[in-house]
Protein backbone atom coordinates (compact mmCIF):
# COMPACT_ATOMS: atom_id res chain seq x y z
CA UNK A 1 103.24 85.38 119.37
CA UNK A 2 105.30 82.80 117.63
CA UNK A 3 105.25 82.88 113.90
CA UNK A 4 103.87 79.67 112.24
CA UNK A 5 106.13 77.78 109.96
CA UNK A 6 105.85 78.68 106.27
CA UNK A 7 104.55 76.16 103.95
CA UNK A 8 106.92 75.63 100.98
CA UNK A 9 105.20 75.71 97.36
CA UNK A 10 108.22 75.00 95.44
CA UNK A 11 107.48 78.08 93.21
CA UNK A 12 109.21 81.33 93.00
CA UNK A 13 107.16 84.54 93.59
CA UNK A 14 107.89 85.52 89.88
CA UNK A 15 106.64 82.24 88.64
CA UNK A 16 103.46 82.31 90.70
CA UNK A 17 102.48 85.71 89.93
CA UNK A 18 103.52 85.62 86.30
CA UNK A 19 101.40 82.42 85.84
CA UNK A 20 98.41 83.95 87.65
CA UNK A 21 98.43 87.18 85.58
CA UNK A 22 99.86 86.06 82.33
CA UNK A 23 96.71 84.39 80.87
CA UNK A 24 94.66 87.47 81.30
CA UNK A 25 97.04 89.48 79.18
CA UNK A 26 95.87 87.53 75.98
CA UNK A 27 92.14 87.94 76.53
CA UNK A 28 89.92 89.77 74.00
CA UNK A 29 88.79 93.24 74.99
CA UNK A 30 85.16 93.81 76.28
CA UNK A 31 83.30 96.91 77.13
CA UNK A 32 83.86 98.18 80.74
CA UNK A 33 80.85 98.09 83.01
CA UNK A 34 79.85 101.45 84.21
CA UNK A 35 79.50 102.02 87.98
CA UNK A 36 76.09 102.13 89.65
CA UNK A 37 74.81 105.82 89.86
CA UNK A 38 75.71 107.50 92.94
CA UNK A 39 73.12 107.64 95.73
CA UNK A 40 71.57 111.18 96.16
CA UNK A 41 71.90 112.87 99.59
CA UNK A 42 68.70 112.51 101.64
CA UNK A 43 66.52 115.58 101.71
CA UNK A 44 66.80 115.73 105.45
CA UNK A 45 70.66 115.76 105.37
CA UNK A 46 72.47 119.08 105.59
CA UNK A 47 75.86 119.40 104.10
CA UNK A 48 78.51 120.81 106.38
CA UNK A 49 81.88 122.06 105.66
CA UNK A 50 84.48 122.02 108.34
CA UNK A 51 87.57 124.23 108.92
CA UNK A 52 89.68 121.95 106.71
CA UNK A 53 87.51 122.49 103.81
CA UNK A 54 86.00 119.01 104.04
CA UNK A 55 82.29 118.67 103.24
CA UNK A 56 80.22 115.96 104.89
CA UNK A 57 76.97 115.02 103.17
CA UNK A 58 75.12 112.04 104.60
CA UNK A 59 77.27 108.87 103.88
CA UNK A 60 79.80 110.88 101.88
CA UNK A 61 82.56 113.49 102.30
CA UNK A 62 83.86 115.64 99.60
CA UNK A 63 87.73 116.11 100.26
CA UNK A 64 89.76 119.18 99.99
CA UNK A 65 90.52 118.51 96.34
CA UNK A 66 86.82 117.79 95.49
CA UNK A 67 86.80 114.15 95.39
CA UNK A 68 83.52 112.43 96.75
CA UNK A 69 84.36 109.64 99.12
CA UNK A 70 81.53 107.20 100.03
CA UNK A 71 81.71 105.55 103.49
CA UNK A 72 79.80 103.20 105.93
CA UNK A 73 79.48 103.93 109.51
CA UNK A 74 78.31 100.79 111.33
CA UNK A 75 77.82 99.97 115.16
CA UNK A 76 77.33 102.25 118.04
CA UNK A 77 78.41 105.89 117.65
CA UNK A 78 79.84 105.87 121.02
CA UNK A 79 81.83 102.71 120.53
CA UNK A 80 85.63 102.54 120.09
CA UNK A 81 86.54 103.45 116.50
CA UNK A 82 87.83 100.97 114.00
CA UNK A 83 88.63 102.20 110.46
CA UNK A 84 89.26 99.56 107.82
CA UNK A 85 90.77 100.33 104.42
CA UNK A 86 90.14 97.93 101.45
CA UNK A 87 92.35 96.40 98.66
CA UNK A 88 92.62 96.60 94.94
CA UNK A 89 90.40 96.78 92.96
CA UNK A 90 87.72 96.31 95.65
CA UNK A 91 85.59 98.55 97.78
CA UNK A 92 84.39 98.59 101.54
CA UNK A 93 82.08 95.70 100.77
CA UNK A 94 85.22 93.43 100.85
CA UNK A 95 85.32 94.22 104.71
CA UNK A 96 81.63 93.52 105.52
CA UNK A 97 82.42 90.15 107.43
CA UNK A 98 84.79 91.98 109.73
CA UNK A 99 82.91 95.17 110.01
CA UNK A 100 79.68 93.32 110.90
CA UNK A 101 81.50 91.20 113.56
CA UNK A 102 83.23 94.09 115.18
CA UNK A 103 80.19 96.29 115.04
CA UNK A 104 78.14 93.45 116.71
CA UNK A 105 80.70 93.49 119.44
CA UNK A 106 80.31 97.16 120.40
CA UNK A 107 82.57 98.82 118.06
CA UNK A 108 81.93 101.77 115.70
CA UNK A 109 83.47 100.62 112.31
CA UNK A 110 84.06 102.93 109.50
CA UNK A 111 84.87 101.54 105.96
CA UNK A 112 85.23 103.71 102.88
CA UNK A 113 85.58 103.35 99.21
CA UNK A 114 88.97 104.53 98.16
CA UNK A 115 88.78 107.33 95.24
CA UNK A 116 88.09 105.85 91.99
CA UNK A 117 86.69 102.53 93.56
CA UNK A 118 83.32 101.55 94.57
CA UNK A 119 80.73 104.28 94.99
CA UNK A 120 83.28 107.22 95.53
CA UNK A 121 83.91 109.42 92.48
CA UNK A 122 86.56 108.80 89.70
CA UNK A 123 89.09 111.50 89.37
CA UNK A 124 91.40 111.49 86.56
CA UNK A 125 94.52 112.20 88.54
CA UNK A 126 95.53 111.55 92.14
CA UNK A 127 95.35 107.81 92.09
CA UNK A 128 98.34 107.37 94.38
CA UNK A 129 99.12 106.70 97.95
CA UNK A 130 99.72 110.18 98.96
CA UNK A 131 96.29 111.05 97.86
CA UNK A 132 94.71 107.91 99.24
CA UNK A 133 96.32 108.67 102.60
CA UNK A 134 94.97 112.34 102.55
CA UNK A 135 91.66 111.24 101.74
CA UNK A 136 91.66 108.95 104.76
CA UNK A 137 92.79 111.98 106.85
CA UNK A 138 90.07 114.07 105.57
CA UNK A 139 87.50 111.18 106.38
CA UNK A 140 88.88 110.54 109.83
CA UNK A 141 89.10 114.23 110.68
CA UNK A 142 85.60 115.10 109.31
CA UNK A 143 84.05 112.31 111.58
CA UNK A 144 86.42 113.52 114.47
CA UNK A 145 87.59 109.92 115.11
CA UNK A 146 89.95 109.47 117.90
CA UNK A 147 91.92 106.64 119.51
CA UNK A 148 91.31 104.61 116.26
CA UNK A 149 92.20 100.94 115.44
CA UNK A 150 93.47 101.49 111.88
CA UNK A 151 93.70 98.49 109.53
CA UNK A 152 94.29 97.97 106.04
CA UNK A 153 94.15 94.96 103.70
CA UNK A 154 96.53 94.43 100.71
CA UNK A 155 96.48 97.97 99.03
CA UNK A 156 94.63 99.22 102.03
CA UNK A 157 97.57 98.36 104.19
CA UNK A 158 99.76 100.68 102.12
CA UNK A 159 97.11 103.50 102.36
CA UNK A 160 97.10 103.23 106.29
CA UNK A 161 100.89 102.96 106.46
CA UNK A 162 101.27 106.08 104.30
CA UNK A 163 98.64 107.86 106.35
CA UNK A 164 100.64 107.10 109.49
CA UNK A 165 103.81 108.32 107.64
CA UNK A 166 102.15 111.51 106.51
CA UNK A 167 99.82 112.35 109.49
CA UNK A 168 101.15 110.62 112.37
CA UNK A 169 99.43 108.76 115.10
CA UNK A 170 97.69 111.47 117.13
CA UNK A 171 94.23 109.92 116.31
CA UNK A 172 95.46 106.34 115.92
CA UNK A 173 95.77 103.76 119.08
CA UNK A 174 96.33 100.62 117.13
CA UNK A 175 97.40 99.63 113.61
CA UNK A 176 96.65 96.43 111.54
CA UNK A 177 98.37 95.17 108.31
CA UNK A 178 96.35 92.40 106.72
CA UNK A 179 97.75 90.51 103.82
CA UNK A 180 99.33 94.18 103.19
CA UNK A 181 101.53 95.29 100.47
CA UNK A 182 104.23 97.12 102.61
CA UNK A 183 107.22 97.64 102.69
CA UNK A 184 107.55 97.37 98.85
CA UNK A 185 106.40 95.00 96.22
CA UNK A 186 108.51 95.69 93.10
CA UNK A 187 111.99 94.37 92.87
CA UNK A 188 114.80 97.07 93.13
CA UNK A 189 118.54 97.25 94.00
CA UNK A 190 117.58 97.87 97.48
CA UNK A 191 114.72 95.26 97.35
CA UNK A 192 116.00 92.18 95.68
CA UNK A 193 113.29 89.97 96.94
CA UNK A 194 110.51 91.95 95.19
CA UNK A 195 108.70 91.03 92.15
CA UNK A 196 110.03 92.12 88.70
CA UNK A 197 108.41 95.32 87.36
CA UNK A 198 107.40 93.35 84.26
CA UNK A 199 104.88 91.54 86.40
CA UNK A 200 103.03 94.67 87.16
CA UNK A 201 103.52 95.96 83.66
CA UNK A 202 101.88 92.85 82.45
CA UNK A 203 99.06 93.36 85.12
CA UNK A 204 98.28 96.80 83.72
CA UNK A 205 98.38 95.53 79.99
CA UNK A 206 95.67 92.91 80.92
CA UNK A 207 93.61 95.59 82.56
CA UNK A 208 93.57 97.57 79.26
CA UNK A 209 92.95 94.62 77.13
CA UNK A 210 90.14 93.05 79.21
CA UNK A 211 89.90 93.86 82.90
CA UNK A 212 86.60 92.11 83.29
CA UNK A 213 88.40 88.78 82.50
CA UNK A 214 91.34 89.92 84.43
CA UNK A 215 89.23 90.21 87.46
CA UNK A 216 87.61 86.92 86.91
CA UNK A 217 90.86 85.19 86.40
CA UNK A 218 92.43 86.59 89.68
CA UNK A 219 89.25 85.86 91.85
CA UNK A 220 89.10 82.33 90.42
CA UNK A 221 92.59 81.59 90.69
CA UNK A 222 95.31 83.03 93.03
CA UNK A 223 93.38 85.57 95.22
CA UNK A 224 91.51 83.01 97.04
CA UNK A 225 93.73 80.20 96.37
CA UNK A 226 91.10 78.42 94.25
CA UNK A 227 93.92 77.18 91.85
CA UNK A 228 95.46 74.99 94.40
CA UNK A 229 94.95 71.35 94.25
CA UNK A 230 91.88 70.25 96.00
CA UNK A 231 90.51 73.72 96.52
CA UNK A 232 86.78 74.11 96.23
CA UNK A 233 85.87 77.39 94.56
CA UNK A 234 83.13 79.69 95.88
CA UNK A 235 81.26 81.19 92.83
CA UNK A 236 79.91 83.79 95.25
CA UNK A 237 83.32 85.09 96.18
CA UNK A 238 84.43 85.20 92.56
CA UNK A 239 81.23 87.26 91.69
CA UNK A 240 81.68 89.52 94.58
CA UNK A 241 85.25 90.20 93.65
CA UNK A 242 84.42 90.83 89.96
CA UNK A 243 81.60 93.12 90.68
CA UNK A 244 83.31 95.23 93.20
CA UNK A 245 86.30 95.49 90.86
CA UNK A 246 84.08 96.56 87.88
CA UNK A 247 82.43 99.19 89.91
CA UNK A 248 85.83 100.96 90.16
CA UNK A 249 87.05 103.45 87.42
CA UNK A 250 89.01 101.97 84.59
CA UNK A 251 91.67 104.69 84.81
CA UNK A 252 91.71 104.64 88.70
CA UNK A 253 92.16 100.93 88.95
CA UNK A 254 94.77 100.94 86.28
CA UNK A 255 96.90 103.72 87.91
CA UNK A 256 96.46 102.03 91.36
CA UNK A 257 98.49 99.08 90.10
CA UNK A 258 101.44 101.29 90.12
CA UNK A 259 100.61 102.79 93.60
CA UNK A 260 100.24 99.43 95.37
CA UNK A 261 103.38 97.92 93.58
CA UNK A 262 105.91 100.51 93.34
CA UNK A 263 105.40 102.84 96.44
CA UNK A 264 108.10 102.31 99.07
CA UNK A 265 106.64 102.27 102.39
CA UNK A 266 109.80 101.63 104.46
CA UNK A 267 110.33 104.99 105.89
CA UNK A 268 106.60 105.21 106.78
CA UNK A 269 106.80 101.80 108.64
CA UNK A 270 109.73 103.13 110.58
CA UNK A 271 107.42 105.99 112.22
CA UNK A 272 104.92 103.31 113.58
CA UNK A 273 104.83 103.88 117.43
CA UNK A 274 101.40 102.25 118.28
CA UNK A 275 100.76 98.51 118.92
CA UNK A 276 100.70 96.98 115.45
CA UNK A 277 99.18 93.65 114.22
CA UNK A 278 100.45 91.87 111.09
CA UNK A 279 98.43 89.03 109.64
CA UNK A 280 99.37 87.28 106.46
CA UNK A 281 98.72 83.83 104.81
CA UNK A 282 101.92 81.98 104.00
CA UNK A 283 100.36 80.66 100.59
CA UNK A 284 99.67 84.26 99.53
CA UNK A 285 100.38 84.16 95.77
CA UNK A 286 99.40 87.93 95.34
CA UNK A 287 101.47 89.52 97.97
CA UNK A 288 104.22 86.94 98.92
CA UNK A 289 104.74 87.03 102.65
CA UNK A 290 108.48 87.15 102.79
CA UNK A 291 108.74 90.45 101.01
CA UNK A 292 105.66 91.84 102.70
CA UNK A 293 104.65 90.74 106.20
CA UNK A 294 108.03 89.30 107.39
CA UNK A 295 109.83 92.45 105.83
CA UNK A 296 107.43 94.86 107.69
CA UNK A 297 108.06 92.93 110.98
CA UNK A 298 111.74 93.59 110.61
CA UNK A 299 110.78 97.28 110.43
CA UNK A 300 108.26 97.30 113.14
CA UNK A 301 110.02 94.99 115.65
CA UNK A 302 107.33 95.51 118.27
CA UNK A 303 104.51 94.26 115.94
CA UNK A 304 102.69 91.05 116.49
CA UNK A 305 102.99 88.77 113.45
CA UNK A 306 100.46 86.21 113.08
CA UNK A 307 100.78 83.77 109.96
CA UNK A 308 97.87 81.65 108.69
CA UNK A 309 99.39 78.48 107.48
CA UNK A 310 98.30 77.62 103.98
CA UNK A 311 96.15 80.60 103.64
CA UNK A 312 95.84 82.63 100.38
CA UNK A 313 95.63 86.45 99.86
CA UNK A 314 91.84 86.82 100.41
CA UNK A 315 91.82 85.87 104.16
CA UNK A 316 88.84 88.35 104.74
CA UNK A 317 86.58 85.80 103.02
CA UNK A 318 88.43 82.48 103.06
CA UNK A 319 89.51 82.63 106.86
CA UNK A 320 86.99 85.33 108.04
CA UNK A 321 86.17 83.55 111.23
CA UNK A 322 89.84 83.36 112.42
CA UNK A 323 90.49 86.91 111.29
CA UNK A 324 87.31 88.21 112.99
CA UNK A 325 88.46 86.44 116.17
CA UNK A 326 92.03 87.91 115.80
CA UNK A 327 90.96 91.45 115.09
CA UNK A 328 88.37 91.50 117.88
CA UNK A 329 91.00 90.39 120.38
CA UNK A 330 93.50 92.99 119.28
CA UNK A 331 90.91 95.65 119.11
CA UNK A 332 89.82 94.64 122.70
CA UNK A 333 93.45 94.51 124.15
């Protein structure tokens, strides 16, 4: 696949993200919204614990370290398995357009709420990529999924990359990195094209000061590209982002900023030995394409890189028809 030519914005990555997140750091604090009460296990559902110590209860598993992970299981139970991992600070709901499309086309689609996000429990500790990857492994093993198309969006791309690095590809047939954070977001001596750590420190400060406003500012601005000239904002997309974010735990989403920005996935990417699809917008103001998708492509030379010209970060919504078609084609290939 020939990579589409990038659209030049004339702005540095540091300038874009600093502008996007800077305003939120001055917001006045408001009380955090508590997540919705967890669903109870149906009376006719029997909990079962497998040999790995993972308990399955209806639409939830309890991991080996006691964390409750909520998941959705859509489509045919005998269909080819697709597992989709979501971005920060969202939940499995952010994948619903793709999950619906793939399930409607014969696939079994599993989406889960990462620990501390959505309807999953909110542990104080373990909000890091190693735990995220191990939770994903517990889910995959508990459902005995095989020959999976494993794809992750943004932070979820880091989660599935670390999963492959830690657990291998014995259950994975294909991988997908969608607007994904690997190999490394933060600037270091060995990653000079990354963003300064101060950008992410500012994001954490804004989260502590008024995370409700922070989520609205991100969604109404750079995430969906609604801050670009001529863009028509969707209040529905903004509200959905905000609601999903506020369902997540305050401490969990705060810690996750470090997890997605400062975890180095370079060595994990080098272990990829399955067909891999990388999709990224070249006007992504959250995870700039050069230090992400194009750098990942260098580490996984056999990967197919598709660049969406002019597309923002949140392509699961803004470019859902194009993304749905590309994911379905790759899943069937």
